[in-house]
Amino acid sequence: MRFYQIMEFRASAEDAVADIHRYKETMAGQTTARRATVCVDRDDPGLVVQIVEFDSYEEAMANNAQEGTQEAAAEAEAETGGITYRNLEVVEVVDV
Protein backbone atom coordinates (compact mmCIF):
# COMPACT_ATOMS: atom_id res chain seq x y z
CA MET A 1 0.00 0.00 0.00
CA ARG A 2 1.40 3.39 -0.97
CA PHE A 3 2.71 5.54 1.88
CA TYR A 4 3.41 9.27 2.16
CA GLN A 5 5.74 10.93 4.61
CA ILE A 6 4.94 14.61 5.07
CA MET A 7 7.50 17.00 6.53
CA GLU A 8 6.66 20.56 7.57
CA PHE A 9 9.46 23.01 8.36
CA ARG A 10 10.53 26.62 8.02
CA ALA A 11 12.89 27.43 5.15
CA SER A 12 13.03 29.23 1.84
CA ALA A 13 11.74 27.38 -1.20
CA GLU A 14 15.20 27.63 -2.75
CA ASP A 15 16.89 26.03 0.26
CA ALA A 16 14.31 23.23 0.44
CA VAL A 17 14.70 22.44 -3.26
CA ALA A 18 18.51 22.51 -3.01
CA ASP A 19 18.38 20.18 0.00
CA ILE A 20 16.20 17.56 -1.71
CA HIS A 21 18.46 17.59 -4.78
CA ARG A 22 21.53 17.19 -2.56
CA TYR A 23 19.82 14.27 -0.78
CA LYS A 24 18.98 12.66 -4.14
CA GLU A 25 22.62 12.89 -5.24
CA THR A 26 23.95 11.63 -1.91
CA MET A 27 21.54 8.69 -1.77
CA ALA A 28 21.70 7.75 -5.47
CA GLY A 29 20.58 4.15 -5.80
CA GLN A 30 20.07 3.72 -2.05
CA THR A 31 16.83 5.52 -1.23
CA THR A 32 13.51 3.70 -1.36
CA ALA A 33 11.62 6.97 -1.91
CA ARG A 34 9.84 7.19 -5.26
CA ARG A 35 9.11 10.91 -5.46
CA ALA A 36 9.54 14.06 -3.39
CA THR A 37 7.33 17.12 -3.87
CA VAL A 38 8.37 20.42 -2.29
CA CYS A 39 5.52 22.87 -1.60
CA VAL A 40 5.37 26.34 -0.07
CA ASP A 41 2.30 27.57 1.80
CA ARG A 42 0.92 30.55 -0.16
CA ASP A 43 -0.48 32.02 3.07
CA ASP A 44 2.80 31.51 4.94
CA PRO A 45 5.68 31.56 2.41
CA GLY A 46 8.30 30.52 4.99
CA LEU A 47 6.45 27.25 5.63
CA VAL A 48 7.63 24.37 3.46
CA VAL A 49 5.69 21.14 3.15
CA GLN A 50 7.60 18.27 1.59
CA ILE A 51 5.71 15.17 0.48
CA VAL A 52 7.79 12.02 0.00
CA GLU A 53 6.15 9.00 -1.64
CA PHE A 54 7.04 5.38 -0.95
CA ASP A 55 5.66 2.06 -2.15
CA SER A 56 4.85 1.06 1.44
CA TYR A 57 5.32 1.91 5.12
CA GLU A 58 8.04 -0.74 5.30
CA GLU A 59 9.96 0.92 2.46
CA ALA A 60 9.69 4.28 4.24
CA MET A 61 10.99 2.84 7.51
CA ALA A 62 13.86 1.11 5.68
CA ASN A 63 14.74 4.44 4.08
CA ASN A 64 14.55 6.25 7.43
CA ALA A 65 16.99 3.73 8.94
CA GLN A 66 19.70 4.43 6.36
CA GLU A 67 22.72 6.36 7.57
CA GLY A 68 22.47 8.95 4.77
CA THR A 69 18.84 9.64 5.63
CA GLN A 70 19.67 9.95 9.33
CA GLU A 71 22.45 12.43 8.57
CA ALA A 72 20.27 14.49 6.21
CA ALA A 73 17.45 14.57 8.78
CA ALA A 74 19.77 15.72 11.58
CA GLU A 75 21.21 18.44 9.35
CA ALA A 76 17.73 19.59 8.30
CA GLU A 77 16.54 19.67 11.93
CA ALA A 78 19.48 21.90 12.85
CA GLU A 79 19.02 24.21 9.85
CA THR A 80 15.26 24.66 10.17
CA GLY A 81 14.76 24.67 13.91
CA GLY A 82 12.61 21.54 13.80
CA ILE A 83 10.55 19.40 11.48
CA THR A 84 7.02 18.11 12.00
CA TYR A 85 6.57 14.65 10.49
CA ARG A 86 3.34 12.98 9.43
CA ASN A 87 3.22 9.35 8.30
CA LEU A 88 0.22 8.69 6.07
CA GLU A 89 -1.14 5.42 4.70
CA VAL A 90 -2.81 6.04 1.35
CA VAL A 91 -6.33 4.65 1.51
CA GLU A 92 -7.56 5.68 -1.94
CA VAL A 93 -6.46 7.85 -4.84
CA VAL A 94 -9.26 9.08 -7.08
CA ASP A 95 -8.73 10.86 -10.38
CA VAL A 96 -11.40 13.58 -10.63
PDB file of N, CA and C in Angstrom:
ATOM      1  N   MET A   1       0.840  -1.178   0.000  1.00  0.00           N
ATOM      2  CA  MET A   1       0.000   0.000   0.000  1.00  0.00           C
ATOM      3  C   MET A   1       0.891   1.248   0.000  1.00  0.00           C
ATOM      4  N   ARG A   2       0.606   2.177  -0.860  1.00  0.00           N
ATOM      5  CA  ARG A   2       1.401   3.394  -0.966  1.00  0.00           C
ATOM      6  C   ARG A   2       1.407   4.153   0.366  1.00  0.00           C
ATOM      7  N   PHE A   3       2.499   4.858   0.601  1.00  0.00           N
ATOM      8  CA  PHE A   3       2.714   5.543   1.876  1.00  0.00           C
ATOM      9  C   PHE A   3       3.349   6.893   1.603  1.00  0.00           C
ATOM     10  N   TYR A   4       2.851   7.927   2.291  1.00  0.00           N
ATOM     11  CA  TYR A   4       3.414   9.274   2.156  1.00  0.00           C
ATOM     12  C   TYR A   4       3.998   9.710   3.491  1.00  0.00           C
ATOM     13  N   GLN A   5       5.165  10.300   3.427  1.00  0.00           N
ATOM     14  CA  GLN A   5       5.744  10.927   4.608  1.00  0.00           C
ATOM     15  C   GLN A   5       5.733  12.430   4.338  1.00  0.00           C
ATOM     16  N   ILE A   6       5.066  13.166   5.205  1.00  0.00           N
ATOM     17  CA  ILE A   6       4.937  14.613   5.069  1.00  0.00           C
ATOM     18  C   ILE A   6       5.863  15.256   6.094  1.00  0.00           C
ATOM     19  N   MET A   7       6.614  16.253   5.649  1.00  0.00           N
ATOM     20  CA  MET A   7       7.496  17.000   6.535  1.00  0.00           C
ATOM     21  C   MET A   7       7.157  18.479   6.422  1.00  0.00           C
ATOM     22  N   GLU A   8       6.936  19.132   7.537  1.00  0.00           N
ATOM     23  CA  GLU A   8       6.664  20.564   7.573  1.00  0.00           C
ATOM     24  C   GLU A   8       7.796  21.243   8.331  1.00  0.00           C
ATOM     25  N   PHE A   9       8.352  22.301   7.724  1.00  0.00           N
ATOM     26  CA  PHE A   9       9.457  23.009   8.365  1.00  0.00           C
ATOM     27  C   PHE A   9       9.551  24.415   7.798  1.00  0.00           C
ATOM     28  N   ARG A  10      10.345  25.245   8.452  1.00  0.00           N
ATOM     29  CA  ARG A  10      10.528  26.624   8.021  1.00  0.00           C
ATOM     30  C   ARG A  10      11.835  26.738   7.247  1.00  0.00           C
ATOM     31  N   ALA A  11      11.720  27.243   6.010  1.00  0.00           N
ATOM     32  CA  ALA A  11      12.890  27.431   5.146  1.00  0.00           C
ATOM     33  C   ALA A  11      12.435  28.203   3.919  1.00  0.00           C
ATOM     34  N   SER A  12      13.388  28.635   3.133  1.00  0.00           N
ATOM     35  CA  SER A  12      13.029  29.230   1.844  1.00  0.00           C
ATOM     36  C   SER A  12      12.777  28.093   0.853  1.00  0.00           C
ATOM     37  N   ALA A  13      11.998  28.378  -0.165  1.00  0.00           N
ATOM     38  CA  ALA A  13      11.743  27.377  -1.204  1.00  0.00           C
ATOM     39  C   ALA A  13      13.047  26.953  -1.857  1.00  0.00           C
ATOM     40  N   GLU A  14      13.920  27.919  -2.098  1.00  0.00           N
ATOM     41  CA  GLU A  14      15.197  27.631  -2.753  1.00  0.00           C
ATOM     42  C   GLU A  14      16.040  26.672  -1.929  1.00  0.00           C
ATOM     43  N   ASP A  15      16.109  26.910  -0.617  1.00  0.00           N
ATOM     44  CA  ASP A  15      16.890  26.026   0.255  1.00  0.00           C
ATOM     45  C   ASP A  15      16.292  24.619   0.302  1.00  0.00           C
ATOM     46  N   ALA A  16      14.965  24.541   0.373  1.00  0.00           N
ATOM     47  CA  ALA A  16      14.306  23.235   0.436  1.00  0.00           C
ATOM     48  C   ALA A  16      14.551  22.437  -0.841  1.00  0.00           C
ATOM     49  N   VAL A  17      14.464  23.111  -1.981  1.00  0.00           N
ATOM     50  CA  VAL A  17      14.702  22.435  -3.262  1.00  0.00           C
ATOM     51  C   VAL A  17      16.163  21.998  -3.365  1.00  0.00           C
ATOM     52  N   ALA A  18      17.082  22.866  -2.972  1.00  0.00           N
ATOM     53  CA  ALA A  18      18.508  22.514  -3.014  1.00  0.00           C
ATOM     54  C   ALA A  18      18.789  21.313  -2.110  1.00  0.00           C
ATOM     55  N   ASP A  19      18.159  21.283  -0.935  1.00  0.00           N
ATOM     56  CA  ASP A  19      18.379  20.183   0.004  1.00  0.00           C
ATOM     57  C   ASP A  19      17.886  18.849  -0.553  1.00  0.00           C
ATOM     58  N   ILE A  20      16.717  18.832  -1.197  1.00  0.00           N
ATOM     59  CA  ILE A  20      16.203  17.558  -1.711  1.00  0.00           C
ATOM     60  C   ILE A  20      17.047  17.078  -2.889  1.00  0.00           C
ATOM     61  N   HIS A  21      17.565  17.998  -3.684  1.00  0.00           N
ATOM     62  CA  HIS A  21      18.458  17.587  -4.776  1.00  0.00           C
ATOM     63  C   HIS A  21      19.784  17.049  -4.236  1.00  0.00           C
ATOM     64  N   ARG A  22      20.292  17.670  -3.177  1.00  0.00           N
ATOM     65  CA  ARG A  22      21.526  17.186  -2.556  1.00  0.00           C
ATOM     66  C   ARG A  22      21.303  15.784  -1.969  1.00  0.00           C
ATOM     67  N   TYR A  23      20.154  15.583  -1.332  1.00  0.00           N
ATOM     68  CA  TYR A  23      19.822  14.266  -0.782  1.00  0.00           C
ATOM     69  C   TYR A  23      19.748  13.224  -1.905  1.00  0.00           C
ATOM     70  N   LYS A  24      19.098  13.577  -3.001  1.00  0.00           N
ATOM     71  CA  LYS A  24      18.977  12.658  -4.142  1.00  0.00           C
ATOM     72  C   LYS A  24      20.352  12.242  -4.652  1.00  0.00           C
ATOM     73  N   GLU A  25      21.261  13.192  -4.768  1.00  0.00           N
ATOM     74  CA  GLU A  25      22.615  12.886  -5.241  1.00  0.00           C
ATOM     75  C   GLU A  25      23.374  12.020  -4.236  1.00  0.00           C
ATOM     76  N   THR A  26      23.254  12.366  -2.963  1.00  0.00           N
ATOM     77  CA  THR A  26      23.952  11.626  -1.910  1.00  0.00           C
ATOM     78  C   THR A  26      23.453  10.183  -1.813  1.00  0.00           C
ATOM     79  N   MET A  27      22.155  10.000  -1.964  1.00  0.00           N
ATOM     80  CA  MET A  27      21.539   8.686  -1.768  1.00  0.00           C
ATOM     81  C   MET A  27      21.305   7.936  -3.080  1.00  0.00           C
ATOM     82  N   ALA A  28      21.923   8.360  -4.149  1.00  0.00           N
ATOM     83  CA  ALA A  28      21.701   7.750  -5.467  1.00  0.00           C
ATOM     84  C   ALA A  28      21.743   6.226  -5.383  1.00  0.00           C
ATOM     85  N   GLY A  29      20.651   5.601  -5.793  1.00  0.00           N
ATOM     86  CA  GLY A  29      20.578   4.150  -5.800  1.00  0.00           C
ATOM     87  C   GLY A  29      20.316   3.509  -4.453  1.00  0.00           C
ATOM     88  N   GLN A  30      20.256   4.283  -3.381  1.00  0.00           N
ATOM     89  CA  GLN A  30      20.067   3.724  -2.046  1.00  0.00           C
ATOM     90  C   GLN A  30      18.701   4.018  -1.456  1.00  0.00           C
ATOM     91  N   THR A  31      18.098   5.140  -1.830  1.00  0.00           N
ATOM     92  CA  THR A  31      16.831   5.523  -1.228  1.00  0.00           C
ATOM     93  C   THR A  31      15.691   4.669  -1.767  1.00  0.00           C
ATOM     94  N   THR A  32      14.702   4.422  -0.928  1.00  0.00           N
ATOM     95  CA  THR A  32      13.506   3.705  -1.355  1.00  0.00           C
ATOM     96  C   THR A  32      12.374   4.669  -1.685  1.00  0.00           C
ATOM     97  N   ALA A  33      12.625   5.965  -1.548  1.00  0.00           N
ATOM     98  CA  ALA A  33      11.616   6.966  -1.909  1.00  0.00           C
ATOM     99  C   ALA A  33      11.403   6.947  -3.417  1.00  0.00           C
ATOM    100  N   ARG A  34      10.181   7.165  -3.835  1.00  0.00           N
ATOM    101  CA  ARG A  34       9.840   7.185  -5.261  1.00  0.00           C
ATOM    102  C   ARG A  34       9.759   8.604  -5.814  1.00  0.00           C
ATOM    103  N   ARG A  35       9.294   9.542  -4.992  1.00  0.00           N
ATOM    104  CA  ARG A  35       9.106  10.914  -5.459  1.00  0.00           C
ATOM    105  C   ARG A  35       9.079  11.832  -4.244  1.00  0.00           C
ATOM    106  N   ALA A  36       9.619  13.032  -4.426  1.00  0.00           N
ATOM    107  CA  ALA A  36       9.536  14.064  -3.388  1.00  0.00           C
ATOM    108  C   ALA A  36       8.968  15.321  -4.030  1.00  0.00           C
ATOM    109  N   THR A  37       7.960  15.891  -3.401  1.00  0.00           N
ATOM    110  CA  THR A  37       7.329  17.116  -3.869  1.00  0.00           C
ATOM    111  C   THR A  37       7.545  18.183  -2.809  1.00  0.00           C
ATOM    112  N   VAL A  38       8.121  19.314  -3.214  1.00  0.00           N
ATOM    113  CA  VAL A  38       8.373  20.420  -2.291  1.00  0.00           C
ATOM    114  C   VAL A  38       7.315  21.487  -2.547  1.00  0.00           C
ATOM    115  N   CYS A  39       6.592  21.874  -1.498  1.00  0.00           N
ATOM    116  CA  CYS A  39       5.521  22.868  -1.601  1.00  0.00           C
ATOM    117  C   CYS A  39       5.783  24.002  -0.615  1.00  0.00           C
ATOM    118  N   VAL A  40       5.302  25.189  -0.972  1.00  0.00           N
ATOM    119  CA  VAL A  40       5.368  26.339  -0.075  1.00  0.00           C
ATOM    120  C   VAL A  40       3.942  26.812   0.174  1.00  0.00           C
ATOM    121  N   ASP A  41       3.628  27.079   1.427  1.00  0.00           N
ATOM    122  CA  ASP A  41       2.302  27.566   1.801  1.00  0.00           C
ATOM    123  C   ASP A  41       2.125  28.992   1.275  1.00  0.00           C
ATOM    124  N   ARG A  42       1.150  29.219   0.408  1.00  0.00           N
ATOM    125  CA  ARG A  42       0.920  30.552  -0.165  1.00  0.00           C
ATOM    126  C   ARG A  42       0.553  31.572   0.910  1.00  0.00           C
ATOM    127  N   ASP A  43      -0.081  31.115   1.995  1.00  0.00           N
ATOM    128  CA  ASP A  43      -0.477  32.022   3.067  1.00  0.00           C
ATOM    129  C   ASP A  43       0.630  32.233   4.091  1.00  0.00           C
ATOM    130  N   ASP A  44       1.669  31.431   4.015  1.00  0.00           N
ATOM    131  CA  ASP A  44       2.800  31.513   4.944  1.00  0.00           C
ATOM    132  C   ASP A  44       4.049  31.065   4.180  1.00  0.00           C
ATOM    133  N   PRO A  45       4.608  31.949   3.332  1.00  0.00           N
ATOM    134  CA  PRO A  45       5.682  31.564   2.409  1.00  0.00           C
ATOM    135  C   PRO A  45       6.925  30.946   3.053  1.00  0.00           C
ATOM    136  N   GLY A  46       7.149  31.137   4.333  1.00  0.00           N
ATOM    137  CA  GLY A  46       8.296  30.521   4.990  1.00  0.00           C
ATOM    138  C   GLY A  46       8.045  29.088   5.426  1.00  0.00           C
ATOM    139  N   LEU A  47       6.805  28.616   5.242  1.00  0.00           N
ATOM    140  CA  LEU A  47       6.455  27.250   5.634  1.00  0.00           C
ATOM    141  C   LEU A  47       6.561  26.335   4.422  1.00  0.00           C
ATOM    142  N   VAL A  48       7.435  25.350   4.529  1.00  0.00           N
ATOM    143  CA  VAL A  48       7.635  24.372   3.462  1.00  0.00           C
ATOM    144  C   VAL A  48       6.973  23.065   3.882  1.00  0.00           C
ATOM    145  N   VAL A  49       6.266  22.461   2.948  1.00  0.00           N
ATOM    146  CA  VAL A  49       5.691  21.136   3.150  1.00  0.00           C
ATOM    147  C   VAL A  49       6.293  20.238   2.077  1.00  0.00           C
ATOM    148  N   GLN A  50       6.968  19.205   2.518  1.00  0.00           N
ATOM    149  CA  GLN A  50       7.604  18.265   1.591  1.00  0.00           C
ATOM    150  C   GLN A  50       6.874  16.933   1.686  1.00  0.00           C
ATOM    151  N   ILE A  51       6.455  16.423   0.546  1.00  0.00           N
ATOM    152  CA  ILE A  51       5.711  15.169   0.482  1.00  0.00           C
ATOM    153  C   ILE A  51       6.608  14.132  -0.192  1.00  0.00           C
ATOM    154  N   VAL A  52       6.920  13.070   0.538  1.00  0.00           N
ATOM    155  CA  VAL A  52       7.786  12.021  -0.002  1.00  0.00           C
ATOM    156  C   VAL A  52       6.949  10.753  -0.138  1.00  0.00           C
ATOM    157  N   GLU A  53       6.960  10.180  -1.341  1.00  0.00           N
ATOM    158  CA  GLU A  53       6.147   9.005  -1.642  1.00  0.00           C
ATOM    159  C   GLU A  53       6.997   7.733  -1.615  1.00  0.00           C
ATOM    160  N   PHE A  54       6.409   6.699  -1.021  1.00  0.00           N
ATOM    161  CA  PHE A  54       7.036   5.379  -0.946  1.00  0.00           C
ATOM    162  C   PHE A  54       6.033   4.324  -1.405  1.00  0.00           C
ATOM    163  N   ASP A  55       6.542   3.164  -1.775  1.00  0.00           N
ATOM    164  CA  ASP A  55       5.658   2.062  -2.153  1.00  0.00           C
ATOM    165  C   ASP A  55       4.898   1.508  -0.954  1.00  0.00           C
ATOM    166  N   SER A  56       5.486   1.611   0.249  1.00  0.00           N
ATOM    167  CA  SER A  56       4.855   1.058   1.444  1.00  0.00           C
ATOM    168  C   SER A  56       5.466   1.694   2.696  1.00  0.00           C
ATOM    169  N   TYR A  57       4.798   1.471   3.817  1.00  0.00           N
ATOM    170  CA  TYR A  57       5.316   1.905   5.118  1.00  0.00           C
ATOM    171  C   TYR A  57       6.677   1.262   5.378  1.00  0.00           C
ATOM    172  N   GLU A  58       6.786  -0.013   5.063  1.00  0.00           N
ATOM    173  CA  GLU A  58       8.037  -0.738   5.301  1.00  0.00           C
ATOM    174  C   GLU A  58       9.197  -0.127   4.518  1.00  0.00           C
ATOM    175  N   GLU A  59       8.934   0.268   3.271  1.00  0.00           N
ATOM    176  CA  GLU A  59       9.963   0.922   2.460  1.00  0.00           C
ATOM    177  C   GLU A  59      10.362   2.261   3.076  1.00  0.00           C
ATOM    178  N   ALA A  60       9.395   2.995   3.599  1.00  0.00           N
ATOM    179  CA  ALA A  60       9.692   4.282   4.241  1.00  0.00           C
ATOM    180  C   ALA A  60      10.557   4.083   5.480  1.00  0.00           C
ATOM    181  N   MET A  61      10.224   3.084   6.290  1.00  0.00           N
ATOM    182  CA  MET A  61      10.991   2.842   7.505  1.00  0.00           C
ATOM    183  C   MET A  61      12.397   2.349   7.172  1.00  0.00           C
ATOM    184  N   ALA A  62      12.536   1.546   6.121  1.00  0.00           N
ATOM    185  CA  ALA A  62      13.863   1.106   5.683  1.00  0.00           C
ATOM    186  C   ALA A  62      14.684   2.309   5.229  1.00  0.00           C
ATOM    187  N   ASN A  63      14.051   3.231   4.534  1.00  0.00           N
ATOM    188  CA  ASN A  63      14.740   4.442   4.083  1.00  0.00           C
ATOM    189  C   ASN A  63      15.160   5.298   5.277  1.00  0.00           C
ATOM    190  N   ASN A  64      14.253   5.443   6.245  1.00  0.00           N
ATOM    191  CA  ASN A  64      14.552   6.247   7.433  1.00  0.00           C
ATOM    192  C   ASN A  64      15.726   5.684   8.221  1.00  0.00           C
ATOM    193  N   ALA A  65      15.918   4.380   8.175  1.00  0.00           N
ATOM    194  CA  ALA A  65      16.988   3.732   8.939  1.00  0.00           C
ATOM    195  C   ALA A  65      18.362   3.888   8.293  1.00  0.00           C
ATOM    196  N   GLN A  66      18.414   4.305   7.049  1.00  0.00           N
ATOM    197  CA  GLN A  66      19.697   4.427   6.360  1.00  0.00           C
ATOM    198  C   GLN A  66      20.523   5.584   6.936  1.00  0.00           C
ATOM    199  N   GLU A  67      21.815   5.367   6.994  1.00  0.00           N
ATOM    200  CA  GLU A  67      22.724   6.362   7.567  1.00  0.00           C
ATOM    201  C   GLU A  67      22.621   7.710   6.849  1.00  0.00           C
ATOM    202  N   GLY A  68      22.564   7.703   5.529  1.00  0.00           N
ATOM    203  CA  GLY A  68      22.471   8.950   4.769  1.00  0.00           C
ATOM    204  C   GLY A  68      21.206   9.718   5.075  1.00  0.00           C
ATOM    205  N   THR A  69      20.105   8.994   5.274  1.00  0.00           N
ATOM    206  CA  THR A  69      18.841   9.640   5.629  1.00  0.00           C
ATOM    207  C   THR A  69      18.927  10.217   7.033  1.00  0.00           C
ATOM    208  N   GLN A  70      19.514   9.467   7.958  1.00  0.00           N
ATOM    209  CA  GLN A  70      19.673   9.951   9.334  1.00  0.00           C
ATOM    210  C   GLN A  70      20.505  11.229   9.371  1.00  0.00           C
ATOM    211  N   GLU A  71      21.590  11.246   8.611  1.00  0.00           N
ATOM    212  CA  GLU A  71      22.454  12.432   8.573  1.00  0.00           C
ATOM    213  C   GLU A  71      21.730  13.625   7.960  1.00  0.00           C
ATOM    214  N   ALA A  72      21.009  13.399   6.864  1.00  0.00           N
ATOM    215  CA  ALA A  72      20.270  14.488   6.214  1.00  0.00           C
ATOM    216  C   ALA A  72      19.184  15.025   7.136  1.00  0.00           C
ATOM    217  N   ALA A  73      18.508  14.144   7.862  1.00  0.00           N
ATOM    218  CA  ALA A  73      17.450  14.568   8.780  1.00  0.00           C
ATOM    219  C   ALA A  73      18.019  15.394   9.931  1.00  0.00           C
ATOM    220  N   ALA A  74      19.143  14.970  10.486  1.00  0.00           N
ATOM    221  CA  ALA A  74      19.770  15.718  11.581  1.00  0.00           C
ATOM    222  C   ALA A  74      20.212  17.096  11.110  1.00  0.00           C
ATOM    223  N   GLU A  75      20.778  17.165   9.914  1.00  0.00           N
ATOM    224  CA  GLU A  75      21.206  18.444   9.355  1.00  0.00           C
ATOM    225  C   GLU A  75      20.003  19.353   9.110  1.00  0.00           C
ATOM    226  N   ALA A  76      18.935  18.800   8.568  1.00  0.00           N
ATOM    227  CA  ALA A  76      17.730  19.589   8.300  1.00  0.00           C
ATOM    228  C   ALA A  76      17.100  20.088   9.594  1.00  0.00           C
ATOM    229  N   GLU A  77      17.069  19.255  10.619  1.00  0.00           N
ATOM    230  CA  GLU A  77      16.538  19.671  11.928  1.00  0.00           C
ATOM    231  C   GLU A  77      17.313  20.874  12.449  1.00  0.00           C
ATOM    232  N   ALA A  78      18.629  20.814  12.351  1.00  0.00           N
ATOM    233  CA  ALA A  78      19.478  21.901  12.849  1.00  0.00           C
ATOM    234  C   ALA A  78      19.279  23.176  12.037  1.00  0.00           C
ATOM    235  N   GLU A  79      19.158  23.044  10.718  1.00  0.00           N
ATOM    236  CA  GLU A  79      19.023  24.213   9.847  1.00  0.00           C
ATOM    237  C   GLU A  79      17.665  24.891   9.973  1.00  0.00           C
ATOM    238  N   THR A  80      16.615  24.109  10.207  1.00  0.00           N
ATOM    239  CA  THR A  80      15.259  24.656  10.169  1.00  0.00           C
ATOM    240  C   THR A  80      14.670  24.941  11.541  1.00  0.00           C
ATOM    241  N   GLY A  81      15.305  24.463  12.581  1.00  0.00           N
ATOM    242  CA  GLY A  81      14.760  24.666  13.915  1.00  0.00           C
ATOM    243  C   GLY A  81      13.713  23.631  14.293  1.00  0.00           C
ATOM    244  N   GLY A  82      13.552  22.622  13.481  1.00  0.00           N
ATOM    245  CA  GLY A  82      12.615  21.542  13.796  1.00  0.00           C
ATOM    246  C   GLY A  82      11.735  21.182  12.620  1.00  0.00           C
ATOM    247  N   ILE A  83      11.392  19.917  12.551  1.00  0.00           N
ATOM    248  CA  ILE A  83      10.546  19.402  11.477  1.00  0.00           C
ATOM    249  C   ILE A  83       9.388  18.637  12.110  1.00  0.00           C
ATOM    250  N   THR A  84       8.185  18.889  11.603  1.00  0.00           N
ATOM    251  CA  THR A  84       7.022  18.110  12.002  1.00  0.00           C
ATOM    252  C   THR A  84       6.807  17.031  10.951  1.00  0.00           C
ATOM    253  N   TYR A  85       6.745  15.782  11.395  1.00  0.00           N
ATOM    254  CA  TYR A  85       6.571  14.650  10.487  1.00  0.00           C
ATOM    255  C   TYR A  85       5.153  14.107  10.594  1.00  0.00           C
ATOM    256  N   ARG A  86       4.619  13.679   9.471  1.00  0.00           N
ATOM    257  CA  ARG A  86       3.344  12.981   9.426  1.00  0.00           C
ATOM    258  C   ARG A  86       3.552  11.740   8.552  1.00  0.00           C
ATOM    259  N   ASN A  87       3.081  10.609   9.025  1.00  0.00           N
ATOM    260  CA  ASN A  87       3.217   9.347   8.300  1.00  0.00           C
ATOM    261  C   ASN A  87       1.827   8.887   7.883  1.00  0.00           C
ATOM    262  N   LEU A  88       1.574   8.897   6.574  1.00  0.00           N
ATOM    263  CA  LEU A  88       0.220   8.693   6.071  1.00  0.00           C
ATOM    264  C   LEU A  88       0.104   7.459   5.182  1.00  0.00           C
ATOM    265  N   GLU A  89      -0.773   6.540   5.562  1.00  0.00           N
ATOM    266  CA  GLU A  89      -1.142   5.417   4.698  1.00  0.00           C
ATOM    267  C   GLU A  89      -2.117   5.951   3.657  1.00  0.00           C
ATOM    268  N   VAL A  90      -1.885   5.634   2.409  1.00  0.00           N
ATOM    269  CA  VAL A  90      -2.805   6.045   1.355  1.00  0.00           C
ATOM    270  C   VAL A  90      -3.945   5.031   1.309  1.00  0.00           C
ATOM    271  N   VAL A  91      -5.157   5.516   1.511  1.00  0.00           N
ATOM    272  CA  VAL A  91      -6.329   4.654   1.514  1.00  0.00           C
ATOM    273  C   VAL A  91      -6.918   4.545   0.113  1.00  0.00           C
ATOM    274  N   GLU A  92      -6.963   5.664  -0.601  1.00  0.00           N
ATOM    275  CA  GLU A  92      -7.556   5.681  -1.937  1.00  0.00           C
ATOM    276  C   GLU A  92      -7.047   6.898  -2.684  1.00  0.00           C
ATOM    277  N   VAL A  93      -6.785   6.739  -3.958  1.00  0.00           N
ATOM    278  CA  VAL A  93      -6.455   7.852  -4.845  1.00  0.00           C
ATOM    279  C   VAL A  93      -7.512   7.849  -5.938  1.00  0.00           C
ATOM    280  N   VAL A  94      -8.185   8.977  -6.109  1.00  0.00           N
ATOM    281  CA  VAL A  94      -9.265   9.079  -7.082  1.00  0.00           C
ATOM    282  C   VAL A  94      -8.928  10.171  -8.078  1.00  0.00           C
ATOM    283  N   ASP A  95      -8.893   9.845  -9.345  1.00  0.00           N
ATOM    284  CA  ASP A  95      -8.731  10.859 -10.380  1.00  0.00           C
ATOM    285  C   ASP A  95     -10.081  11.528 -10.589  1.00  0.00           C
ATOM    286  N   VAL A  96     -10.122  12.851 -10.470  1.00  0.00           N
ATOM    287  CA  VAL A  96     -11.396  13.578 -10.630  1.00  0.00           C
ATOM    288  C   VAL A  96     -11.322  14.577 -11.757  1.00  0.00           C
TER     289      VAL A  96
END
